[in-house]
C-alpha atoms as a PDB file:
ATOM      1  CA  MET A   1       0.054  -0.200   0.192  1.00  0.00           C
ATOM      2  CA  GLY A   2       1.275   3.478  -1.034  1.00  0.00           C
ATOM      3  CA  GLU A   3       0.927   6.526   0.424  1.00  0.00           C
ATOM      4  CA  PHE A   4      -1.352   8.182  -0.426  1.00  0.00           C
ATOM      5  CA  GLU A   5      -3.948   5.048  -1.297  1.00  0.00           C
ATOM      6  CA  LEU A   6      -3.273   4.600   3.489  1.00  0.00           C
ATOM      7  CA  ILE A   7      -4.499   8.356   3.648  1.00  0.00           C
ATOM      8  CA  ASP A   8      -7.724   7.846   1.222  1.00  0.00           C
ATOM      9  CA  ARG A   9      -8.098   4.387   3.083  1.00  0.00           C
ATOM     10  CA  PHE A  10      -7.823   5.537   6.734  1.00  0.00           C
ATOM     11  CA  PHE A  11      -7.966   8.735   7.145  1.00  0.00           C
ATOM     12  CA  THR A  12      -9.956  10.507   4.806  1.00  0.00           C
ATOM     13  CA  ARG A  13     -13.493  12.291   4.900  1.00  0.00           C
ATOM     14  CA  LYS A  14     -15.436  14.325   3.394  1.00  0.00           C
ATOM     15  CA  ALA A  15     -15.332  18.306   4.682  1.00  0.00           C
ATOM     16  CA  ARG A  16     -17.714  19.090   7.428  1.00  0.00           C
ATOM     17  CA  GLN A  17     -16.950  22.234   8.314  1.00  0.00           C
ATOM     18  CA  ALA A  18     -13.845  23.541   6.583  1.00  0.00           C
ATOM     19  CA  LEU A  19     -14.305  25.357   3.288  1.00  0.00           C
ATOM     20  CA  VAL A  20     -11.789  23.042   2.183  1.00  0.00           C
ATOM     21  CA  GLY A  21     -10.518  19.861   3.784  1.00  0.00           C
ATOM     22  CA  ILE A  22      -7.873  16.850   2.684  1.00  0.00           C
ATOM     23  CA  GLY A  23      -6.686  16.775  -1.370  1.00  0.00           C
ATOM     24  CA  ASP A  24      -5.373  20.227  -1.353  1.00  0.00           C
ATOM     25  CA  ASP A  25      -2.436  21.551  -0.765  1.00  0.00           C
ATOM     26  CA  CYS A  26      -3.933  23.790   1.925  1.00  0.00           C
ATOM     27  CA  ALA A  27      -7.255  23.282   3.848  1.00  0.00           C
ATOM     28  CA  VAL A  28      -9.002  26.252   4.247  1.00  0.00           C
ATOM     29  CA  TRP A  29     -10.960  27.341   7.487  1.00  0.00           C
ATOM     30  CA  MET A  30     -13.689  30.307   8.377  1.00  0.00           C
ATOM     31  CA  PRO A  31     -14.033  30.764  11.827  1.00  0.00           C
ATOM     32  CA  SER A  32     -16.791  31.559  13.350  1.00  0.00           C
ATOM     33  CA  PRO A  33     -17.981  35.441  14.133  1.00  0.00           C
ATOM     34  CA  GLY A  34     -17.119  37.097  17.092  1.00  0.00           C
ATOM     35  CA  HIS A  35     -14.999  33.878  17.710  1.00  0.00           C
ATOM     36  CA  GLN A  36     -10.767  33.905  17.607  1.00  0.00           C
ATOM     37  CA  LEU A  37      -8.482  30.511  17.355  1.00  0.00           C
ATOM     38  CA  ALA A  38      -6.584  28.627  19.474  1.00  0.00           C
ATOM     39  CA  PHE A  39      -4.143  26.705  18.031  1.00  0.00           C
ATOM     40  CA  SER A  40      -2.393  24.073  19.948  1.00  0.00           C
ATOM     41  CA  ALA A  41      -0.066  21.316  18.626  1.00  0.00           C
ATOM     42  CA  ASP A  42       1.413  18.017  20.453  1.00  0.00           C
ATOM     43  CA  MET A  43       3.664  15.123  19.507  1.00  0.00           C
ATOM     44  CA  LEU A  44       3.802  11.609  21.121  1.00  0.00           C
ATOM     45  CA  VAL A  45       6.875   9.575  20.113  1.00  0.00           C
ATOM     46  CA  GLU A  46       6.686   5.656  20.931  1.00  0.00           C
ATOM     47  CA  GLY A  47       8.963   5.241  23.861  1.00  0.00           C
ATOM     48  CA  ARG A  48       8.998   8.819  25.197  1.00  0.00           C
ATOM     49  CA  HIS A  49       4.738   9.409  25.465  1.00  0.00           C
ATOM     50  CA  PHE A  50       3.909   6.463  24.678  1.00  0.00           C
ATOM     51  CA  LEU A  51       4.804   1.873  25.329  1.00  0.00           C
ATOM     52  CA  SER A  52       5.037  -0.517  22.501  1.00  0.00           C
ATOM     53  CA  THR A  53       2.189  -2.393  24.292  1.00  0.00           C
ATOM     54  CA  VAL A  54      -0.823   0.389  24.174  1.00  0.00           C
ATOM     55  CA  THR A  55      -3.424  -0.184  22.478  1.00  0.00           C
ATOM     56  CA  PRO A  56      -3.550   0.997  18.190  1.00  0.00           C
ATOM     57  CA  ARG A  57      -6.946   2.491  19.231  1.00  0.00           C
ATOM     58  CA  HIS A  58      -6.492   3.796  22.634  1.00  0.00           C
ATOM     59  CA  LEU A  59      -3.628   5.709  20.937  1.00  0.00           C
ATOM     60  CA  GLY A  60      -5.467   7.218  18.706  1.00  0.00           C
ATOM     61  CA  HIS A  61      -7.375   8.194  20.922  1.00  0.00           C
ATOM     62  CA  LYS A  62      -4.663   9.494  22.852  1.00  0.00           C
ATOM     63  CA  ALA A  63      -3.158  10.934  20.339  1.00  0.00           C
ATOM     64  CA  LEU A  64      -6.356  13.338  19.558  1.00  0.00           C
ATOM     65  CA  ALA A  65      -6.873  13.594  23.705  1.00  0.00           C
ATOM     66  CA  VAL A  66      -3.620  15.314  24.793  1.00  0.00           C
ATOM     67  CA  ASN A  67      -4.615  18.110  21.757  1.00  0.00           C
ATOM     68  CA  LEU A  68      -7.271  18.093  23.042  1.00  0.00           C
ATOM     69  CA  SER A  69      -7.243  19.015  26.820  1.00  0.00           C
ATOM     70  CA  ASP A  70      -4.358  22.340  25.746  1.00  0.00           C
ATOM     71  CA  LEU A  71      -8.055  23.871  24.292  1.00  0.00           C
ATOM     72  CA  ALA A  72      -9.925  22.507  27.352  1.00  0.00           C
ATOM     73  CA  ALA A  73      -7.171  24.678  29.596  1.00  0.00           C
ATOM     74  CA  CYS A  74      -8.199  27.774  27.352  1.00  0.00           C
ATOM     75  CA  GLY A  75     -11.758  27.276  27.057  1.00  0.00           C
ATOM     76  CA  ALA A  76     -11.928  26.364  24.210  1.00  0.00           C
ATOM     77  CA  THR A  77     -14.755  24.759  21.445  1.00  0.00           C
ATOM     78  CA  PRO A  78     -12.395  21.986  19.602  1.00  0.00           C
ATOM     79  CA  ARG A  79     -13.187  22.664  15.327  1.00  0.00           C
ATOM     80  CA  ALA A  80     -10.330  20.279  13.259  1.00  0.00           C
ATOM     81  CA  PHE A  81      -7.117  18.722  13.829  1.00  0.00           C
ATOM     82  CA  LEU A  82      -4.290  18.312  11.587  1.00  0.00           C
ATOM     83  CA  LEU A  83      -2.215  14.742  12.075  1.00  0.00           C
ATOM     84  CA  SER A  84       1.312  14.241  11.183  1.00  0.00           C
ATOM     85  CA  LEU A  85       2.230  10.839  10.973  1.00  0.00           C
ATOM     86  CA  SER A  86       5.281   8.705  10.811  1.00  0.00           C
ATOM     87  CA  LEU A  87       5.423   5.467  10.592  1.00  0.00           C
ATOM     88  CA  PRO A  88       7.834   2.547  10.959  1.00  0.00           C
ATOM     89  CA  ARG A  89       5.720   0.056   7.828  1.00  0.00           C
ATOM     90  CA  VAL A  90       2.126   0.251   6.593  1.00  0.00           C
ATOM     91  CA  ASP A  91       0.797  -1.971   8.870  1.00  0.00           C
ATOM     92  CA  GLU A  92      -3.003  -2.275   7.992  1.00  0.00           C
ATOM     93  CA  ALA A  93      -4.325  -3.614  11.346  1.00  0.00           C
ATOM     94  CA  TRP A  94      -2.813  -0.916  13.313  1.00  0.00           C
ATOM     95  CA  LEU A  95      -4.088   1.780  11.097  1.00  0.00           C
ATOM     96  CA  SER A  96      -7.766   0.392  11.556  1.00  0.00           C
ATOM     97  CA  GLY A  97      -7.186   0.438  14.770  1.00  0.00           C
ATOM     98  CA  PHE A  98      -5.185   3.932  14.888  1.00  0.00           C
ATOM     99  CA  SER A  99      -7.941   5.566  13.047  1.00  0.00           C
ATOM    100  CA  GLU A 100     -10.448   3.827  14.752  1.00  0.00           C
ATOM    101  CA  GLY A 101      -9.743   5.541  17.606  1.00  0.00           C
ATOM    102  CA  LEU A 102      -8.818   9.023  16.515  1.00  0.00           C
ATOM    103  CA  PHE A 103     -12.055   9.355  14.743  1.00  0.00           C
ATOM    104  CA  ASP A 104     -14.626   8.370  17.524  1.00  0.00           C
ATOM    105  CA  LEU A 105     -13.330  10.896  19.553  1.00  0.00           C
ATOM    106  CA  ALA A 106     -13.167  13.062  16.870  1.00  0.00           C
ATOM    107  CA  ASP A 107     -16.996  13.057  16.006  1.00  0.00           C
ATOM    108  CA  ALA A 108     -17.960  12.879  19.407  1.00  0.00           C
ATOM    109  CA  GLN A 109     -16.479  16.749  20.335  1.00  0.00           C
ATOM    110  CA  SER A 110     -16.672  17.024  16.313  1.00  0.00           C
ATOM    111  CA  CYS A 111     -13.691  18.082  15.608  1.00  0.00           C
ATOM    112  CA  GLU A 112     -12.527  16.967  11.724  1.00  0.00           C
ATOM    113  CA  LEU A 113      -9.530  16.075   9.822  1.00  0.00           C
ATOM    114  CA  ILE A 114      -8.512  18.699   7.391  1.00  0.00           C
ATOM    115  CA  GLY A 115      -5.362  17.479   7.135  1.00  0.00           C
ATOM    116  CA  GLY A 116      -1.728  16.612   7.650  1.00  0.00           C
ATOM    117  CA  ASP A 117       1.362  14.701   6.666  1.00  0.00           C
ATOM    118  CA  THR A 118       2.458  11.046   6.451  1.00  0.00           C
ATOM    119  CA  THR A 119       5.988   9.617   5.931  1.00  0.00           C
ATOM    120  CA  GLN A 120       8.777   6.833   7.037  1.00  0.00           C
ATOM    121  CA  GLY A 121      10.026   6.405  10.104  1.00  0.00           C
ATOM    122  CA  PRO A 122      10.419   5.630  13.326  1.00  0.00           C
ATOM    123  CA  LEU A 123       6.443   6.055  15.360  1.00  0.00           C
ATOM    124  CA  ASN A 124       5.759  10.048  15.654  1.00  0.00           C
ATOM    125  CA  ILE A 125       2.272  11.188  15.978  1.00  0.00           C
ATOM    126  CA  ALA A 126       2.061  14.681  15.722  1.00  0.00           C
ATOM    127  CA  ILE A 127      -1.438  16.686  15.662  1.00  0.00           C
ATOM    128  CA  THR A 128      -2.884  19.887  15.573  1.00  0.00           C
ATOM    129  CA  VAL A 129      -5.385  20.960  16.982  1.00  0.00           C
ATOM    130  CA  ILE A 130      -7.434  24.377  16.190  1.00  0.00           C
ATOM    131  CA  GLY A 131     -10.435  25.395  18.055  1.00  0.00           C
ATOM    132  CA  GLU A 132     -12.605  28.605  18.376  1.00  0.00           C
ATOM    133  CA  VAL A 133     -13.431  30.613  22.121  1.00  0.00           C
ATOM    134  CA  PRO A 134     -15.266  33.953  21.480  1.00  0.00           C
ATOM    135  CA  SER A 135     -14.215  37.463  21.146  1.00  0.00           C
ATOM    136  CA  GLY A 136     -11.336  38.287  24.358  1.00  0.00           C
ATOM    137  CA  GLN A 137     -12.307  35.264  26.403  1.00  0.00           C
ATOM    138  CA  ALA A 138      -9.770  32.971  26.196  1.00  0.00           C
ATOM    139  CA  ILE A 139      -8.740  31.732  29.660  1.00  0.00           C
ATOM    140  CA  LEU A 140      -4.387  31.963  30.286  1.00  0.00           C
ATOM    141  CA  ARG A 141      -2.024  31.295  32.827  1.00  0.00           C
ATOM    142  CA  SER A 142      -1.267  34.862  32.922  1.00  0.00           C
ATOM    143  CA  GLY A 143      -4.546  35.707  34.831  1.00  0.00           C
ATOM    144  CA  ALA A 144      -4.077  34.100  38.609  1.00  0.00           C
ATOM    145  CA  ARG A 145      -4.368  36.987  41.384  1.00  0.00           C
ATOM    146  CA  PRO A 146      -3.955  36.561  45.084  1.00  0.00           C
ATOM    147  CA  GLY A 147      -6.937  35.712  47.582  1.00  0.00           C
ATOM    148  CA  ASP A 148      -8.232  33.046  43.997  1.00  0.00           C
ATOM    149  CA  ASP A 149      -8.918  30.001  45.058  1.00  0.00           C
ATOM    150  CA  VAL A 150      -7.664  27.054  43.274  1.00  0.00           C
ATOM    151  CA  TYR A 151      -8.827  23.732  42.064  1.00  0.00           C
ATOM    152  CA  VAL A 152      -7.802  20.696  40.636  1.00  0.00           C
ATOM    153  CA  SER A 153     -10.339  18.900  37.647  1.00  0.00           C
ATOM    154  CA  GLY A 154     -10.974  15.079  38.561  1.00  0.00           C
ATOM    155  CA  HIS A 155      -8.198  12.666  39.435  1.00  0.00           C
ATOM    156  CA  LEU A 156      -4.529  13.189  39.748  1.00  0.00           C
ATOM    157  CA  GLY A 157      -1.765  10.609  39.895  1.00  0.00           C
ATOM    158  CA  ASP A 158      -2.871   7.108  38.333  1.00  0.00           C
ATOM    159  CA  ALA A 159      -1.443   7.468  34.659  1.00  0.00           C
ATOM    160  CA  ARG A 160       2.589   7.794  36.317  1.00  0.00           C
ATOM    161  CA  LEU A 161       1.199   4.544  38.591  1.00  0.00           C
ATOM    162  CA  ALA A 162       0.375   2.859  35.643  1.00  0.00           C
ATOM    163  CA  LEU A 163       3.634   3.646  33.966  1.00  0.00           C
ATOM    164  CA  GLU A 164       5.350   2.295  37.699  1.00  0.00           C
ATOM    165  CA  ALA A 165       3.659  -0.500  37.245  1.00  0.00           C
ATOM    166  CA  PHE A 166       5.286  -0.751  33.896  1.00  0.00           C
ATOM    167  CA  ARG A 167       7.846  -0.480  34.529  1.00  0.00           C
ATOM    168  CA  GLY A 168       8.616  -2.660  37.088  1.00  0.00           C
ATOM    169  CA  ASP A 169       8.688  -0.452  40.054  1.00  0.00           C
ATOM    170  CA  ILE A 170       5.804  -1.133  41.799  1.00  0.00           C
ATOM    171  CA  SER A 171       2.844  -4.862  42.010  1.00  0.00           C
ATOM    172  CA  LEU A 172      -0.457  -3.614  41.663  1.00  0.00           C
ATOM    173  CA  PRO A 173      -3.138  -6.088  42.745  1.00  0.00           C
ATOM    174  CA  GLN A 174      -5.137  -6.582  38.209  1.00  0.00           C
ATOM    175  CA  VAL A 175      -8.117  -4.420  39.087  1.00  0.00           C
ATOM    176  CA  THR A 176      -6.242  -0.900  39.881  1.00  0.00           C
ATOM    177  CA  PHE A 177      -3.270  -2.203  37.470  1.00  0.00           C
ATOM    178  CA  ASP A 178      -6.585  -1.918  34.880  1.00  0.00           C
ATOM    179  CA  LEU A 179      -8.149   1.248  36.604  1.00  0.00           C
ATOM    180  CA  ALA A 180      -4.868   2.742  36.481  1.00  0.00           C
ATOM    181  CA  ARG A 181      -4.184   1.609  32.835  1.00  0.00           C
ATOM    182  CA  ARG A 182      -6.822   3.168  31.779  1.00  0.00           C
ATOM    183  CA  ARG A 183      -5.979   6.921  33.465  1.00  0.00           C
ATOM    184  CA  MET A 184      -3.324   6.640  31.567  1.00  0.00           C
ATOM    185  CA  GLU A 185      -4.069   5.119  27.584  1.00  0.00           C
ATOM    186  CA  THR A 186      -7.612   7.015  27.467  1.00  0.00           C
ATOM    187  CA  PRO A 187      -7.740  10.724  28.878  1.00  0.00           C
ATOM    188  CA  THR A 188     -10.673  11.988  28.814  1.00  0.00           C
ATOM    189  CA  PRO A 189     -10.360  15.791  27.780  1.00  0.00           C
ATOM    190  CA  ARG A 190     -12.420  18.397  29.996  1.00  0.00           C
ATOM    191  CA  LEU A 191     -13.888  19.831  26.874  1.00  0.00           C
ATOM    192  CA  ALA A 192     -17.446  20.927  28.221  1.00  0.00           C
ATOM    193  CA  LEU A 193     -15.702  22.173  31.747  1.00  0.00           C
ATOM    194  CA  GLY A 194     -13.547  24.281  30.421  1.00  0.00           C
ATOM    195  CA  VAL A 195     -16.230  26.037  28.295  1.00  0.00           C
ATOM    196  CA  SER A 196     -18.699  26.866  31.750  1.00  0.00           C
ATOM    197  CA  LEU A 197     -15.563  28.031  32.584  1.00  0.00           C
ATOM    198  CA  ARG A 198     -14.830  31.171  30.792  1.00  0.00           C
ATOM    199  CA  GLY A 199     -16.426  34.283  31.962  1.00  0.00           C
ATOM    200  CA  LEU A 200     -15.823  32.409  36.210  1.00  0.00           C
ATOM    201  CA  ALA A 201     -11.144  31.072  36.163  1.00  0.00           C
ATOM    202  CA  ASN A 202      -8.657  33.879  36.313  1.00  0.00           C
ATOM    203  CA  ALA A 203      -6.315  30.962  35.160  1.00  0.00           C
ATOM    204  CA  MET A 204      -5.786  27.469  33.402  1.00  0.00           C
ATOM    205  CA  VAL A 205      -3.892  25.080  32.308  1.00  0.00           C
ATOM    206  CA  ASP A 206      -3.992  21.510  31.850  1.00  0.00           C
ATOM    207  CA  ILE A 207      -1.573  19.314  33.877  1.00  0.00           C
ATOM    208  CA  SER A 208       0.256  16.930  31.453  1.00  0.00           C
ATOM    209  CA  ASP A 209       3.361  16.967  32.988  1.00  0.00           C
ATOM    210  CA  GLY A 210       2.706  16.802  36.792  1.00  0.00           C
ATOM    211  CA  LEU A 211       0.937  19.385  39.346  1.00  0.00           C
ATOM    212  CA  LEU A 212       3.717  21.320  40.856  1.00  0.00           C
ATOM    213  CA  GLY A 213       5.182  21.216  37.560  1.00  0.00           C
ATOM    214  CA  ASP A 214       2.311  22.516  35.756  1.00  0.00           C
ATOM    215  CA  LEU A 215       0.880  24.713  38.705  1.00  0.00           C
ATOM    216  CA  GLY A 216       3.983  26.954  38.536  1.00  0.00           C
ATOM    217  CA  HIS A 217       3.548  27.697  35.458  1.00  0.00           C
ATOM    218  CA  VAL A 218       0.656  29.900  36.251  1.00  0.00           C
ATOM    219  CA  LEU A 219       2.107  30.928  39.111  1.00  0.00           C
ATOM    220  CA  LYS A 220       5.438  32.531  36.543  1.00  0.00           C
ATOM    221  CA  SER A 221       2.774  34.036  34.494  1.00  0.00           C
ATOM    222  CA  SER A 222       0.831  35.583  36.533  1.00  0.00           C
ATOM    223  CA  GLY A 223       3.442  36.657  38.826  1.00  0.00           C
ATOM    224  CA  VAL A 224       2.166  35.258  41.730  1.00  0.00           C
ATOM    225  CA  GLY A 225       2.375  32.329  44.512  1.00  0.00           C
ATOM    226  CA  ALA A 226       0.257  29.292  45.989  1.00  0.00           C
ATOM    227  CA  ARG A 227       0.003  27.663  48.179  1.00  0.00           C
ATOM    228  CA  ILE A 228      -2.013  23.517  48.269  1.00  0.00           C
ATOM    229  CA  ASP A 229      -2.848  22.014  51.005  1.00  0.00           C
ATOM    230  CA  LEU A 230      -1.339  19.066  50.361  1.00  0.00           C
ATOM    231  CA  PRO A 231      -4.718  16.482  52.884  1.00  0.00           C
ATOM    232  CA  SER A 232      -7.048  17.572  49.934  1.00  0.00           C
ATOM    233  CA  VAL A 233      -4.758  15.829  46.752  1.00  0.00           C
ATOM    234  CA  GLU A 234      -3.790  13.449  48.678  1.00  0.00           C
ATOM    235  CA  THR A 235      -7.349  12.338  48.135  1.00  0.00           C
ATOM    236  CA  LEU A 236      -7.568  12.004  44.390  1.00  0.00           C
ATOM    237  CA  MET A 237      -5.558   9.046  43.357  1.00  0.00           C
ATOM    238  CA  LEU A 238      -8.479   6.439  42.157  1.00  0.00           C
ATOM    239  CA  ALA A 239      -6.127   3.627  43.054  1.00  0.00           C
ATOM    240  CA  THR A 240      -6.221   4.577  46.018  1.00  0.00           C
ATOM    241  CA  ALA A 241      -9.545   2.791  46.473  1.00  0.00           C
ATOM    242  CA  SER A 242      -8.448  -0.418  45.794  1.00  0.00           C
ATOM    243  CA  TRP A 243      -4.744  -0.627  46.934  1.00  0.00           C
ATOM    244  CA  ASP A 244      -3.163   0.919  50.042  1.00  0.00           C
ATOM    245  CA  CYS A 245      -0.746   3.223  48.038  1.00  0.00           C
ATOM    246  CA  PRO A 246       3.131   3.639  50.142  1.00  0.00           C
ATOM    247  CA  ARG A 247       2.775   7.664  51.195  1.00  0.00           C
ATOM    248  CA  ASP A 248       6.419   8.030  48.732  1.00  0.00           C
ATOM    249  CA  CYS A 249       5.377   6.586  45.851  1.00  0.00           C
ATOM    250  CA  LEU A 250       1.239   8.156  46.497  1.00  0.00           C
ATOM    251  CA  LEU A 251       2.951  11.560  46.816  1.00  0.00           C
ATOM    252  CA  ARG A 252       5.074  11.260  43.265  1.00  0.00           C
ATOM    253  CA  CYS A 253       2.298   9.724  41.557  1.00  0.00           C
ATOM    254  CA  VAL A 254       0.014  12.878  42.676  1.00  0.00           C
ATOM    255  CA  LEU A 255       2.169  15.907  43.290  1.00  0.00           C
ATOM    256  CA  SER A 256       4.221  15.346  39.759  1.00  0.00           C
ATOM    257  CA  GLY A 257       3.425  12.343  38.498  1.00  0.00           C
ATOM    258  CA  GLY A 258       1.748  14.217  34.950  1.00  0.00           C
ATOM    259  CA  ASP A 259      -0.097  11.888  32.250  1.00  0.00           C
ATOM    260  CA  ASP A 260      -3.243  13.854  34.315  1.00  0.00           C
ATOM    261  CA  TYR A 261      -4.690  15.950  31.470  1.00  0.00           C
ATOM    262  CA  GLU A 262      -7.494  17.358  33.980  1.00  0.00           C
ATOM    263  CA  LEU A 263      -7.460  21.026  34.641  1.00  0.00           C
ATOM    264  CA  LEU A 264      -5.996  23.096  36.736  1.00  0.00           C
ATOM    265  CA  PHE A 265      -7.528  26.448  37.030  1.00  0.00           C
ATOM    266  CA  THR A 266      -7.977  29.631  39.987  1.00  0.00           C
ATOM    267  CA  ALA A 267     -11.084  31.734  40.486  1.00  0.00           C
ATOM    268  CA  SER A 268     -12.290  34.000  43.283  1.00  0.00           C
ATOM    269  CA  PRO A 269     -13.758  32.704  46.226  1.00  0.00           C
ATOM    270  CA  ALA A 270     -16.802  34.704  44.914  1.00  0.00           C
ATOM    271  CA  HIS A 271     -17.099  32.235  41.983  1.00  0.00           C
ATOM    272  CA  ARG A 272     -18.176  29.540  44.222  1.00  0.00           C
ATOM    273  CA  ASP A 273     -21.183  28.185  43.628  1.00  0.00           C
ATOM    274  CA  GLN A 274     -21.016  28.303  40.509  1.00  0.00           C
ATOM    275  CA  ILE A 275     -18.372  26.720  40.154  1.00  0.00           C
ATOM    276  CA  GLN A 276     -19.883  24.006  41.563  1.00  0.00           C
ATOM    277  CA  ALA A 277     -22.887  24.228  39.809  1.00  0.00           C
ATOM    278  CA  ALA A 278     -20.180  23.928  36.423  1.00  0.00           C
ATOM    279  CA  ALA A 279     -18.904  20.493  38.038  1.00  0.00           C
ATOM    280  CA  LEU A 280     -22.100  19.099  38.174  1.00  0.00           C
ATOM    281  CA  ALA A 281     -23.492  20.747  35.404  1.00  0.00           C
ATOM    282  CA  THR A 282     -20.833  19.112  33.215  1.00  0.00           C
ATOM    283  CA  LEU A 283     -20.664  15.453  35.350  1.00  0.00           C
ATOM    284  CA  THR A 284     -17.236  16.664  36.027  1.00  0.00           C
ATOM    285  CA  PRO A 285     -15.247  16.904  39.717  1.00  0.00           C
ATOM    286  CA  VAL A 286     -13.733  19.651  40.487  1.00  0.00           C
ATOM    287  CA  SER A 287     -11.842  19.587  43.598  1.00  0.00           C
ATOM    288  CA  ARG A 288     -10.216  23.224  45.968  1.00  0.00           C
ATOM    289  CA  ILE A 289      -6.819  22.447  47.031  1.00  0.00           C
ATOM    290  CA  GLY A 290      -5.167  25.672  47.962  1.00  0.00           C
ATOM    291  CA  VAL A 291      -5.040  29.731  47.506  1.00  0.00           C
ATOM    292  CA  ILE A 292      -3.168  32.376  45.141  1.00  0.00           C
ATOM    293  CA  THR A 293      -0.709  34.340  47.273  1.00  0.00           C
ATOM    294  CA  SER A 294       1.274  37.464  46.910  1.00  0.00           C
ATOM    295  CA  ASP A 295       4.901  35.766  47.438  1.00  0.00           C
ATOM    296  CA  PRO A 296       5.677  34.916  45.017  1.00  0.00           C
ATOM    297  CA  ALA A 297       6.800  30.573  46.647  1.00  0.00           C
ATOM    298  CA  LEU A 298       5.013  27.819  45.835  1.00  0.00           C
ATOM    299  CA  LEU A 299       4.534  25.795  49.773  1.00  0.00           C
ATOM    300  CA  VAL A 300       3.021  22.972  50.336  1.00  0.00           C
ATOM    301  CA  LEU A 301       1.619  22.368  53.805  1.00  0.00           C
ATOM    302  CA  THR A 302       1.313  19.399  55.277  1.00  0.00           C
ATOM    303  CA  GLU A 303      -1.441  18.679  57.532  1.00  0.00           C
ATOM    304  CA  ASP A 304      -0.919  20.392  60.648  1.00  0.00           C
ATOM    305  CA  GLY A 305       0.603  23.147  58.813  1.00  0.00           C
ATOM    306  CA  GLN A 306       4.077  22.245  57.739  1.00  0.00           C
ATOM    307  CA  THR A 307       6.007  22.893  54.164  1.00  0.00           C
ATOM    308  CA  LEU A 308       6.553  19.522  52.369  1.00  0.00           C
ATOM    309  CA  ASN A 309      10.333  19.640  51.550  1.00  0.00           C
ATOM    310  CA  SER A 310       9.589  18.249  48.348  1.00  0.00           C
ATOM    311  CA  THR A 311      11.454  16.646  45.684  1.00  0.00           C
ATOM    312  CA  TYR A 312       8.657  15.737  43.145  1.00  0.00           C
ATOM    313  CA  HIS A 313      10.285  16.750  40.027  1.00  0.00           C
ATOM    314  CA  SER A 314       7.575  17.729  37.328  1.00  0.00           C
ATOM    315  CA  PHE A 315       8.171  15.922  33.536  1.00  0.00           C
ATOM    316  CA  ASP A 316      10.980  17.430  31.390  1.00  0.00           C
ATOM    317  CA  HIS A 317      11.640  15.797  27.608  1.00  0.00           C
ATOM    318  CA  PHE A 318      15.629  16.874  28.653  1.00  0.00           C
ATOM    319  CA  ALA A 319      15.855  15.635  31.445  1.00  0.00           C
ATOM    320  CA  SER A 320      16.686  12.385  33.491  1.00  0.00           C
ATOM    321  CA  ARG A 321      14.090  10.905  34.717  1.00  0.00           C
END
């Protein structure tokens, strides 16, 4: 099978919203009146971002999900995406599963594939997503204010727990491993919550590299600090319901594990009721875990008010781990 037959068979679809879609030198898109476009790009490299044990269908889902999570963090609605795919060889069964997982999520979010590229080489998946947000309503990292509450959506740490099990660093009961593996391989982009937080959240980021690291990006962009309540964070790992996680492992996974693709955001205490209403309306758990401070330090406080001496470092593509 050649390159263009591969594209036609597994990825070409009739344009729905795009003025021009797959098959031309460029796609052409007309944004909705009164909206700005939001763009984000992510690359997944085998051995760095995913394991060879992941099913093609789950990989297709995750490749798009991690990009959609960035749109969620901006409060944007997905519209379209571009896919660049490097393959070591043409494997029709793999391509069928990958494209099914990709398009199942794309269709669920009304996000259409409008172009991209394919080549032969090490397995590498690069996606650029395009979203829309009403003009002036994009939620950025730079808006956190002293006194804001700090929130996270969903659950933290389970994806890292699965990775540690795959590495052989820990042994998990099967039910716990299966749950953690689902969290690692099929994350849920919190798009509905992100949209509902327009006008409520002052700053937002998706948690891809770990809670402390991604919160640090917000603090640096906003010129503020934060106090995080450790007991509020320790309860956020789903796996603890079926397994007694050692404390150091729990803290490592929850504070710096990464691959969570949850939303971390700040908002005025005056919006607490509205935020809980948004969480209920979008069926997304939301937890208040701390407060933004004018002092630019990031402090994690234990139950007795002591500062945790953190040695938990978030993911860095160019650092050994």
